[in-house]
Protein backbone atom coordinates (compact mmCIF):
# COMPACT_ATOMS: atom_id res chain seq x y z
CA SER A 1 -5.41 -32.97 -7.88
CA GLY A 2 -6.35 -32.88 -11.55
CA SER A 3 -8.64 -30.02 -12.53
CA VAL A 4 -10.26 -29.47 -9.14
CA VAL A 5 -8.15 -26.40 -8.30
CA ARG A 6 -8.80 -23.22 -10.30
CA ALA A 7 -7.25 -19.75 -10.44
CA ASN A 8 -9.22 -16.71 -11.56
CA ILE A 9 -7.06 -13.79 -12.74
CA SER A 10 -8.75 -10.41 -13.13
CA LEU A 11 -7.30 -7.09 -14.30
CA ASN A 12 -9.12 -3.91 -15.33
CA GLY A 13 -12.46 -5.68 -15.75
CA ILE A 14 -11.07 -8.65 -17.70
CA SER A 15 -11.27 -12.03 -15.97
CA GLU A 16 -9.81 -15.40 -17.00
CA VAL A 17 -9.95 -18.77 -15.21
CA GLN A 18 -6.97 -21.15 -15.32
CA THR A 19 -6.62 -24.75 -14.15
CA CYS A 20 -3.92 -25.28 -11.51
CA SER A 21 -1.49 -28.16 -11.20
CA VAL A 22 -1.14 -29.39 -7.62
CA LEU A 23 2.55 -30.10 -6.93
CA ALA A 24 2.29 -30.88 -3.23
CA THR A 25 -0.33 -30.67 -0.53
CA SER A 26 -0.64 -31.18 3.20
CA ILE A 27 -2.93 -30.11 6.01
CA ALA A 28 -0.79 -27.02 6.56
CA GLN A 29 -0.34 -25.85 2.96
CA SER A 30 -0.51 -26.68 -0.74
CA THR A 31 1.78 -25.79 -3.63
CA VAL A 32 0.12 -25.17 -6.99
CA THR A 33 1.16 -23.75 -10.36
CA PHE A 34 -0.85 -22.07 -13.10
CA THR A 35 -0.16 -20.23 -16.34
CA ALA A 36 -0.62 -16.49 -15.99
CA SER A 37 -3.10 -15.11 -18.50
CA ALA A 38 -1.83 -12.79 -21.22
CA PHE A 39 -2.88 -9.15 -20.78
CA PRO A 40 -1.89 -6.49 -23.36
CA PHE A 41 -1.32 -3.89 -20.65
CA GLY A 42 0.20 -3.54 -17.21
CA GLY A 43 -1.36 -3.34 -13.79
CA SER A 44 -1.99 -5.17 -10.53
CA ALA A 45 -4.12 -8.27 -11.14
CA VAL A 46 -6.16 -10.00 -8.44
CA VAL A 47 -5.66 -13.77 -8.32
CA GLU A 48 -8.16 -16.00 -6.52
CA ILE A 49 -7.40 -19.72 -6.07
CA TRP A 50 -9.95 -22.25 -4.85
CA GLN A 51 -10.93 -25.91 -4.89
CA LEU A 52 -14.08 -26.71 -6.87
CA GLY A 53 -17.08 -26.74 -4.57
CA ARG A 54 -15.22 -24.82 -1.83
CA LYS A 55 -14.83 -21.31 -3.24
CA GLU A 56 -15.69 -19.82 0.16
CA MET A 57 -12.24 -21.06 1.29
CA SER A 58 -10.39 -19.32 -1.57
CA ALA A 59 -6.99 -17.64 -1.29
CA ILE A 60 -6.56 -14.15 -2.78
CA PHE A 61 -3.37 -12.29 -3.64
CA SER A 62 -2.09 -9.63 -6.05
CA PHE A 63 0.03 -10.29 -9.13
CA LEU A 64 1.78 -7.47 -10.98
CA TYR A 65 1.76 -7.34 -14.79
CA ILE A 66 4.47 -5.06 -16.17
CA ASP A 67 4.11 -3.34 -19.52
CA THR A 68 7.72 -3.07 -20.71
CA ASN A 69 6.84 0.05 -22.70
CA ARG A 70 5.71 2.01 -19.64
CA PRO A 71 7.60 3.45 -16.66
CA VAL A 72 7.34 1.49 -13.41
CA LEU A 73 7.40 2.98 -9.91
CA ASN A 74 10.03 1.36 -7.68
CA TYR A 75 9.68 3.30 -4.45
CA ILE A 76 8.79 6.64 -2.84
CA TYR A 77 10.77 7.92 0.15
CA PRO A 78 9.51 9.15 2.50
CA SER A 79 6.04 7.69 1.99
CA PHE A 80 4.18 10.66 3.53
CA GLY A 81 4.55 14.35 4.38
CA ILE A 82 3.00 16.94 6.70
CA SER A 83 0.19 19.22 5.52
CA GLY A 84 1.25 22.84 5.11
CA GLN A 85 4.93 21.93 4.86
CA SER A 86 7.11 21.21 1.83
CA THR A 87 8.39 17.63 1.83
CA ALA A 88 11.54 16.52 -0.02
CA VAL A 89 10.71 13.20 -1.69
CA ALA A 90 12.83 10.78 -3.75
CA VAL A 91 10.91 8.82 -6.39
CA SER A 92 12.64 5.87 -8.10
CA ILE A 93 11.24 5.00 -11.56
CA SER A 94 12.33 2.34 -14.05
CA ARG A 95 12.11 2.90 -17.83
CA LEU A 96 11.58 6.65 -17.49
CA GLY A 97 14.93 7.44 -19.07
CA PHE A 98 17.66 9.74 -17.81
CA ALA A 99 18.78 13.17 -19.02
CA MET A 100 20.87 15.88 -17.42
CA ASP A 101 18.42 18.48 -18.74
CA LEU A 102 15.99 19.12 -15.86
CA SER A 103 13.57 20.87 -18.20
CA GLN A 104 12.56 17.44 -19.53
CA TYR A 105 11.09 16.53 -16.14
CA SER A 106 8.04 17.93 -14.42
CA VAL A 107 5.66 17.07 -11.58
CA SER A 108 2.01 18.06 -11.45
CA ALA A 109 -1.03 17.63 -9.22
CA GLN A 110 -4.55 18.97 -8.89
CA GLY A 111 -6.24 21.25 -6.39
CA ALA A 112 -4.32 22.31 -3.30
CA ARG A 113 -1.28 20.15 -4.13
CA ASN A 114 1.78 21.12 -6.13
CA GLY A 115 5.35 20.03 -6.62
CA THR A 116 8.75 21.04 -7.97
CA VAL A 117 11.53 18.95 -9.52
CA LEU A 118 14.73 19.51 -7.52
CA GLY A 119 17.07 17.13 -9.34
CA VAL A 120 17.48 13.88 -11.26
CA SER A 121 20.03 11.09 -10.89
CA GLN A 122 20.56 7.61 -12.29
CA SER A 123 20.98 4.51 -10.11
CA LYS A 124 23.41 1.68 -10.86
CA ASP A 125 20.50 -0.53 -11.96
CA GLY A 126 19.52 2.01 -14.62
CA SER A 127 16.47 3.39 -12.84
CA THR A 128 15.88 7.14 -12.56
CA VAL A 129 15.61 8.85 -9.17
CA VAL A 130 13.67 12.10 -9.35
CA SER A 131 14.05 14.41 -6.34
CA LEU A 132 10.86 16.38 -5.68
CA SER A 133 9.50 18.98 -3.31
CA LEU A 134 5.81 18.22 -2.65
CA PHE A 135 3.33 20.53 -0.91
CA CYS A 136 -0.33 20.42 0.15
CA SER A 137 -2.23 23.38 1.63
CA ILE A 138 -5.17 21.28 2.89
CA PRO A 139 -4.92 21.52 6.71
CA THR A 140 -6.31 18.03 7.38
CA SER A 141 -4.91 14.63 6.46
CA SER A 142 -5.40 13.77 2.79
CA VAL A 143 -4.12 11.58 -0.04
CA GLY A 144 -3.67 12.92 -3.57
CA ASN A 145 -2.08 11.85 -6.84
CA PHE A 146 1.06 13.38 -8.32
CA THR A 147 2.24 12.86 -11.90
CA VAL A 148 5.93 12.77 -12.83
CA THR A 149 6.47 13.36 -16.56
CA ARG A 150 9.54 13.25 -18.79
CA CYS A 151 9.31 14.73 -22.29
CA PRO A 152 12.54 13.94 -24.20
CA GLU A 153 13.68 15.98 -27.19
CA LEU A 154 12.68 13.10 -29.48
CA GLY A 155 9.82 10.69 -28.94
CA GLU A 156 6.67 10.73 -26.83
CA CYS A 157 6.36 11.88 -23.23
CA LEU A 158 6.53 9.25 -20.50
CA PHE A 159 4.74 9.61 -17.18
CA ILE A 160 3.82 7.81 -14.00
CA VAL A 161 1.15 8.60 -11.40
CA PHE A 162 1.61 7.87 -7.69
CA PRO A 163 -0.41 8.63 -4.55
CA PHE A 164 1.15 10.61 -1.71
CA GLU A 165 -0.28 11.16 1.75
CA PHE A 166 -0.09 14.39 3.73
CA LYS A 167 -0.81 14.03 7.44
CA ASP A 168 -2.16 16.63 9.83
CA LEU A 169 0.66 17.54 12.21
CA ASN A 170 -1.80 17.82 15.12
CA SER A 171 -4.06 14.82 14.39
CA PRO A 172 -3.59 11.29 15.72
CA SER A 173 -2.06 8.91 13.19
CA VAL A 174 -0.73 5.36 13.06
CA THR A 175 3.01 5.34 12.37
CA PHE A 176 3.64 1.58 12.74
CA PHE A 177 1.85 -1.70 13.34
CA SER A 178 2.96 -5.34 13.26
CA PRO A 179 2.13 -7.97 12.15
CA MET A 180 0.30 -6.77 9.04
CA SER A 181 -1.82 -9.93 8.74
CA VAL A 182 -3.01 -12.71 11.07
CA THR A 183 -5.16 -15.82 10.81
CA THR A 184 -8.90 -15.62 11.45
CA ASP A 185 -8.42 -17.81 14.54
CA GLY A 186 -7.46 -14.65 16.41
CA ARG A 187 -5.57 -14.51 19.73
CA VAL A 188 -2.55 -12.82 18.11
CA PRO A 189 -0.93 -9.77 19.78
CA VAL A 190 -0.58 -6.75 17.46
CA SER A 191 1.79 -3.87 18.28
CA VAL A 192 0.73 -0.34 17.30
CA ASP A 193 2.53 3.03 17.46
CA LEU A 194 0.41 6.20 17.51
CA ARG A 195 1.38 9.85 17.09
CA ASN A 196 -0.29 12.89 18.71
CA ILE A 197 -2.40 11.30 21.43
CA PRO A 198 -3.52 13.59 24.30
CA GLN A 199 -1.34 12.85 27.33
CA GLU A 200 -4.32 12.32 29.66
CA VAL A 201 -5.66 9.39 27.59
CA THR A 202 -5.34 5.97 29.27
CA SER A 203 -5.53 2.46 27.81
CA THR A 204 -9.04 1.98 29.24
CA GLN A 205 -10.23 4.97 27.18
CA MET A 206 -8.98 3.52 23.90
CA GLN A 207 -10.50 0.76 21.80
CA VAL A 208 -9.58 -0.97 18.55
CA GLN A 209 -12.37 -1.65 16.04
CA LEU A 210 -11.99 -4.26 13.30
CA GLU A 211 -14.34 -4.01 10.34
CA SER A 212 -14.55 -6.04 7.14
CA PRO A 213 -14.42 -4.15 3.81
CA SER A 214 -17.97 -5.34 3.06
CA GLY A 215 -19.23 -4.24 6.48
CA ASN A 216 -20.47 -7.75 7.27
CA PHE A 217 -18.94 -7.66 10.74
CA VAL A 218 -17.54 -5.19 13.26
CA LEU A 219 -15.59 -6.43 16.28
CA ASN A 220 -13.84 -4.59 19.10
CA ALA A 221 -10.59 -5.39 20.85
CA SER A 222 -9.32 -4.03 24.15
CA VAL A 223 -6.08 -2.06 24.31
CA GLY A 224 -3.36 -3.45 26.53
CA HIS A 225 -0.59 -1.53 28.29
CA LEU A 226 -0.14 2.01 26.94
CA GLU A 227 3.47 3.19 26.87
CA THR A 228 4.48 6.80 26.25
CA ASN A 229 7.47 7.19 23.92
CA ILE A 230 7.73 10.95 23.28
CA LYS A 231 5.97 13.96 24.85
CA ARG A 232 5.32 17.12 22.83
CA GLY A 233 3.35 19.76 24.69
CA ILE A 234 -0.07 18.29 25.50
CA PHE A 235 0.42 15.38 23.05
CA SER A 236 2.42 12.17 23.19
CA ASP A 237 3.59 9.41 20.88
CA VAL A 238 2.48 6.11 22.40
CA SER A 239 2.73 2.35 21.84
CA PHE A 240 0.23 -0.35 22.78
CA THR A 241 -0.81 -3.90 21.96
CA PHE A 242 -4.15 -5.56 21.39
CA ILE A 243 -5.18 -9.18 20.93
CA THR A 244 -7.01 -9.95 17.69
CA PRO A 245 -10.47 -11.50 18.20
CA GLU A 246 -11.61 -14.65 16.44
CA LEU A 247 -13.26 -13.66 13.16
CA GLY A 248 -14.40 -17.02 11.80
CA PRO A 249 -13.27 -19.02 8.74
CA ASP A 250 -14.97 -16.82 6.10
CA ALA A 251 -13.87 -13.38 7.33
CA ARG A 252 -11.51 -11.00 5.58
CA GLY A 253 -10.93 -7.61 7.18
């Protein structure tokens, strides 16, 4: 209670600490409020909340600041493509503005990536959906940035940058996993779907490695039953589960 709970909000190198009000607390969870710091620009801020003297038990989450003068990315569909193939992608953007004139819109990238604007439409909520064709000639899996720009007849150009992943058609890749987060107590089953695994591979030949971002710990987990979903030549799409190990109270990975 009182001033013993703090929230540190950081964005683009600027950091501000706020005092939290504790509305309710129990052994299972606590509810707190704080006043979000004022930032003169948009971006994803990192918020860390802790009790004084126990910062090692802090909670961390992201908080989005929106600059109302800048376009905002709503979604990208699909979220990835295949290297060496053109991928039709729909990008939804708020505050980009809409015009029937396609010449106002463009998409650009660097290196082996390029794109073309196929069309533009306006959603019922006022957002702009830009239809793109994206391509990458790099044969291996890679992630690169694309920039969608609109230059109206009057006024300044507006743009937004988004990352897009191209996957190697013949390389193993994770297509699904659930849940996306678990407690550090471990003992939670996680389901994983993999693409392009050699058909002769068995569950005893596979292993899951869990590593913290700081590299402070590396733990291994055994793969459970391996189930084949689709066969394509010498490769298969498979599903398996593993049990998360106990990581300890201070681990984030």
